[in-house]
Protein backbone atom coordinates (compact mmCIF):
# COMPACT_ATOMS: atom_id res chain seq x y z
CA UNK A 1 -10.62 -8.94 -12.89
CA UNK A 2 -8.91 -6.78 -10.25
CA UNK A 3 -10.65 -6.80 -6.87
CA UNK A 4 -10.54 -3.41 -5.12
CA UNK A 5 -11.48 -4.13 -1.52
CA UNK A 6 -14.11 -1.88 0.03
CA UNK A 7 -13.79 -1.88 3.81
CA UNK A 8 -15.27 1.60 4.21
CA UNK A 9 -11.90 3.39 4.38
CA UNK A 10 -10.84 5.70 1.55
CA UNK A 11 -11.76 6.86 -1.92
CA UNK A 12 -12.09 3.59 -3.77
CA UNK A 13 -13.63 5.02 -6.91
CA UNK A 14 -10.53 7.08 -7.77
CA UNK A 15 -8.39 3.94 -7.50
CA UNK A 16 -10.79 1.91 -9.63
CA UNK A 17 -10.99 4.73 -12.21
CA UNK A 18 -7.19 4.84 -12.49
CA UNK A 19 -7.04 1.07 -13.04
CA UNK A 20 -9.93 1.19 -15.51
CA UNK A 21 -8.13 3.91 -17.49
CA UNK A 22 -5.29 1.42 -17.99
CA UNK A 23 -7.62 -1.19 -19.44
CA UNK A 24 -8.21 -3.24 -16.31
CA UNK A 25 -11.61 -4.63 -15.35
CA UNK A 26 -12.17 -3.76 -11.69
CA UNK A 27 -14.68 -4.84 -9.08
CA UNK A 28 -15.14 -2.78 -5.91
CA UNK A 29 -16.21 -5.39 -3.41
CA UNK A 30 -16.85 -6.37 0.20
CA UNK A 31 -17.58 -9.98 -0.78
CA UNK A 32 -14.85 -12.54 0.05
CA UNK A 33 -16.07 -14.68 -2.87
CA UNK A 34 -14.99 -11.99 -5.34
CA UNK A 35 -11.40 -12.41 -4.15
CA UNK A 36 -11.49 -16.05 -5.26
CA UNK A 37 -12.26 -15.09 -8.87
CA UNK A 38 -9.96 -12.05 -8.95
CA UNK A 39 -6.62 -12.15 -10.75
CA UNK A 40 -5.13 -9.62 -8.30
CA UNK A 41 -6.15 -7.70 -5.19
CA UNK A 42 -5.78 -3.99 -4.46
CA UNK A 43 -6.35 -2.69 -0.93
CA UNK A 44 -6.52 1.12 -0.72
CA UNK A 45 -7.33 3.14 2.37
CA UNK A 46 -6.85 6.13 4.61
CA UNK A 47 -7.62 6.55 8.28
CA UNK A 48 -6.97 4.69 11.52
CA UNK A 49 -5.18 1.33 11.44
CA UNK A 50 -7.25 -0.23 14.23
CA UNK A 51 -10.57 0.71 12.70
CA UNK A 52 -9.47 -0.59 9.31
CA UNK A 53 -8.50 -3.98 10.73
CA UNK A 54 -11.79 -4.15 12.63
CA UNK A 55 -13.71 -3.45 9.41
CA UNK A 56 -11.82 -6.16 7.52
CA UNK A 57 -12.55 -8.63 10.32
CA UNK A 58 -16.23 -7.65 10.52
CA UNK A 59 -16.65 -8.14 6.77
CA UNK A 60 -14.98 -11.59 6.97
CA UNK A 61 -12.26 -10.42 4.58
CA UNK A 62 -9.11 -11.19 6.60
CA UNK A 63 -9.14 -14.96 6.08
CA UNK A 64 -10.03 -14.49 2.41
CA UNK A 65 -7.14 -12.07 1.86
CA UNK A 66 -4.68 -14.44 3.53
CA UNK A 67 -5.94 -17.39 1.51
CA UNK A 68 -5.72 -15.63 -1.85
CA UNK A 69 -2.47 -13.71 -1.29
CA UNK A 70 -0.36 -15.90 1.00
CA UNK A 71 -1.60 -19.36 0.03
CA UNK A 72 -2.55 -18.84 -3.62
CA UNK A 73 0.09 -16.17 -4.34
CA UNK A 74 -2.16 -13.69 -6.12
CA UNK A 75 -0.56 -10.26 -6.66
CA UNK A 76 -1.48 -7.84 -3.87
CA UNK A 77 -1.01 -4.07 -3.91
CA UNK A 78 -1.65 -2.12 -0.70
CA UNK A 79 -2.00 1.65 -0.99
CA UNK A 80 -1.24 3.92 2.00
CA UNK A 81 -3.10 2.21 4.88
CA UNK A 82 -3.21 -0.90 2.70
CA UNK A 83 0.60 -1.00 2.87
CA UNK A 84 0.69 -0.37 6.62
CA UNK A 85 -1.54 -3.40 7.21
CA UNK A 86 1.37 -5.58 6.05
CA UNK A 87 3.15 -4.89 9.35
CA UNK A 88 3.16 -7.01 12.46
CA UNK A 89 1.40 -4.29 14.45
CA UNK A 90 0.58 -0.60 14.73
CA UNK A 91 1.06 1.65 17.75
CA UNK A 92 -1.56 4.17 16.57
CA UNK A 93 -4.08 4.75 19.43
CA UNK A 94 -2.88 1.66 21.29
CA UNK A 95 -1.55 -1.56 19.80
CA UNK A 96 -3.29 -3.28 16.92
CA UNK A 97 -2.29 -6.47 15.12
CA UNK A 98 -1.67 -6.26 11.37
CA UNK A 99 -1.38 -8.94 8.70
CA UNK A 100 2.12 -9.84 9.89
CA UNK A 101 3.42 -10.40 6.35
CA UNK A 102 6.38 -8.08 7.02
CA UNK A 103 8.23 -7.83 10.33
CA UNK A 104 7.83 -4.22 11.34
CA UNK A 105 5.64 -1.75 13.16
CA UNK A 106 3.57 1.23 12.11
CA UNK A 107 4.40 4.27 14.24
CA UNK A 108 3.95 8.01 14.15
CA UNK A 109 6.07 10.04 11.73
CA UNK A 110 8.83 11.83 13.68
CA UNK A 111 10.66 14.38 11.51
CA UNK A 112 13.95 15.49 13.02
CA UNK A 113 13.56 18.94 11.47
CA UNK A 114 10.61 21.19 12.45
CA UNK A 115 10.51 22.38 8.84
CA UNK A 116 8.91 19.04 7.94
CA UNK A 117 5.25 19.01 8.98
CA UNK A 118 3.00 16.19 10.10
CA UNK A 119 1.00 14.97 8.33
CA UNK A 120 3.33 14.57 5.38
CA UNK A 121 1.10 15.94 2.65
CA UNK A 122 2.10 16.72 -0.92
CA UNK A 123 4.50 15.72 -3.67
CA UNK A 124 7.77 13.96 -2.86
CA UNK A 125 10.41 12.28 -4.97
CA UNK A 126 11.41 8.77 -3.97
CA UNK A 127 14.74 6.99 -3.96
CA UNK A 128 14.23 3.66 -5.72
CA UNK A 129 16.14 0.67 -4.37
CA UNK A 130 14.46 -2.05 -6.45
CA UNK A 131 13.33 -0.87 -9.87
CA UNK A 132 11.64 -4.15 -10.82
CA UNK A 133 8.78 -4.51 -11.16
CA UNK A 134 6.83 -1.48 -9.88
CA UNK A 135 9.29 1.25 -10.89
CA UNK A 136 10.23 -0.17 -14.27
CA UNK A 137 10.71 2.42 -17.06
CA UNK A 138 10.42 5.41 -14.73
CA UNK A 139 12.69 8.40 -14.21
CA UNK A 140 15.63 8.01 -11.84
CA UNK A 141 13.72 9.78 -9.05
CA UNK A 142 9.96 9.48 -9.66
CA UNK A 143 7.53 11.78 -7.84
CA UNK A 144 4.39 10.70 -5.99
CA UNK A 145 1.68 12.25 -3.84
CA UNK A 146 1.75 11.46 -0.10
CA UNK A 147 -0.80 11.98 2.68
CA UNK A 148 0.12 10.25 5.94
CA UNK A 149 1.02 10.74 9.58
CA UNK A 150 2.40 7.25 10.27
CA UNK A 151 5.24 5.24 8.80
CA UNK A 152 6.10 1.57 8.42
CA UNK A 153 9.36 0.89 10.28
CA UNK A 154 10.72 -2.46 9.12
CA UNK A 155 12.92 -4.65 11.32
CA UNK A 156 16.62 -4.81 10.45
CA UNK A 157 16.43 -8.40 9.21
CA UNK A 158 13.87 -7.47 6.53
CA UNK A 159 15.30 -4.20 5.22
CA UNK A 160 15.73 -5.85 1.81
CA UNK A 161 11.96 -5.72 1.38
CA UNK A 162 12.05 -1.92 1.13
CA UNK A 163 11.89 -1.07 -2.58
CA UNK A 164 11.84 2.74 -2.26
CA UNK A 165 12.21 5.44 0.38
CA UNK A 166 11.66 9.17 0.65
CA UNK A 167 12.90 11.88 2.98
CA UNK A 168 10.54 13.84 5.25
CA UNK A 169 12.70 14.84 8.18
CA UNK A 170 13.55 11.14 8.54
CA UNK A 171 13.97 8.27 6.12
CA UNK A 172 10.47 7.00 5.30
CA UNK A 173 9.52 3.64 3.77
CA UNK A 174 7.82 4.62 0.52
CA UNK A 175 7.28 1.13 -0.90
CA UNK A 176 7.85 -2.52 -0.08
CA UNK A 177 7.78 -5.79 -1.95
CA UNK A 178 8.13 -9.48 -1.18
CA UNK A 179 7.32 -12.14 -3.76
CA UNK A 180 3.73 -11.34 -4.88
CA UNK A 181 3.12 -8.73 -2.17
CA UNK A 182 3.56 -5.01 -2.84
CA UNK A 183 2.76 -1.88 -0.88
CA UNK A 184 3.21 1.85 -1.39
CA UNK A 185 2.82 4.61 1.19
CA UNK A 186 1.89 7.19 -1.44
CA UNK A 187 -1.27 7.44 -3.55
CA UNK A 188 -0.57 6.37 -7.14
CA UNK A 189 -4.13 7.22 -8.16
CA UNK A 190 -3.36 10.86 -7.30
CA UNK A 191 0.18 10.87 -8.69
CA UNK A 192 -0.48 11.54 -12.37
CA UNK A 193 2.09 10.11 -14.81
CA UNK A 194 4.32 8.22 -12.37
CA UNK A 195 1.34 6.91 -10.44
CA UNK A 196 -0.34 5.54 -13.53
CA UNK A 197 2.92 3.98 -14.67
CA UNK A 198 3.30 2.21 -11.33
CA UNK A 199 -0.25 0.84 -11.56
CA UNK A 200 0.42 -0.25 -15.13
CA UNK A 201 3.54 -2.10 -13.99
CA UNK A 202 1.49 -3.85 -11.29
CA UNK A 203 -1.12 -4.91 -13.84
CA UNK A 204 1.63 -6.52 -15.91
CA UNK A 205 2.06 -9.05 -13.09
CA UNK A 206 -1.45 -10.38 -13.61
């Protein structure tokens, strides 16, 4: 069973439907006990970082996520905001503490060219740095759908954890990975063929 965490941020059903279409059995849940029985955890989301962390705390999900992912090493896939939570902190509307699994901060997107708009919304190819496991058996430059105004800026010592980037007036972290932890800035559930392939590759880890 794949636990899709419901913390009242984002379109969870589209994520669950995409996973179901690949043969997974999903459970959309706010119950920390479901994470114990899950084979893997998916954390989608859109919206404000601070509010998302508050919701996870209020639902008593933070300790459960840490226990299952960090201690028990269950595969974790964060989508959009779910990837940004991996950071040490966010500077969106003040400073907010993240999971701290990756040394970096979430900050506003700052394109150096006015031709690149904020939010970054639409299709973008990515430059893959680590093809295994998420980008296995994909084209050289796969295309995904992005909707975001903030980016995860990773500290110099942990640049090796960036598995793909894209260009939107500046170099943007498109995906990260470290051991059993994965995150993507784009929305695979909205990204058609390449998105489904990425989710399929994640499911192969279970």
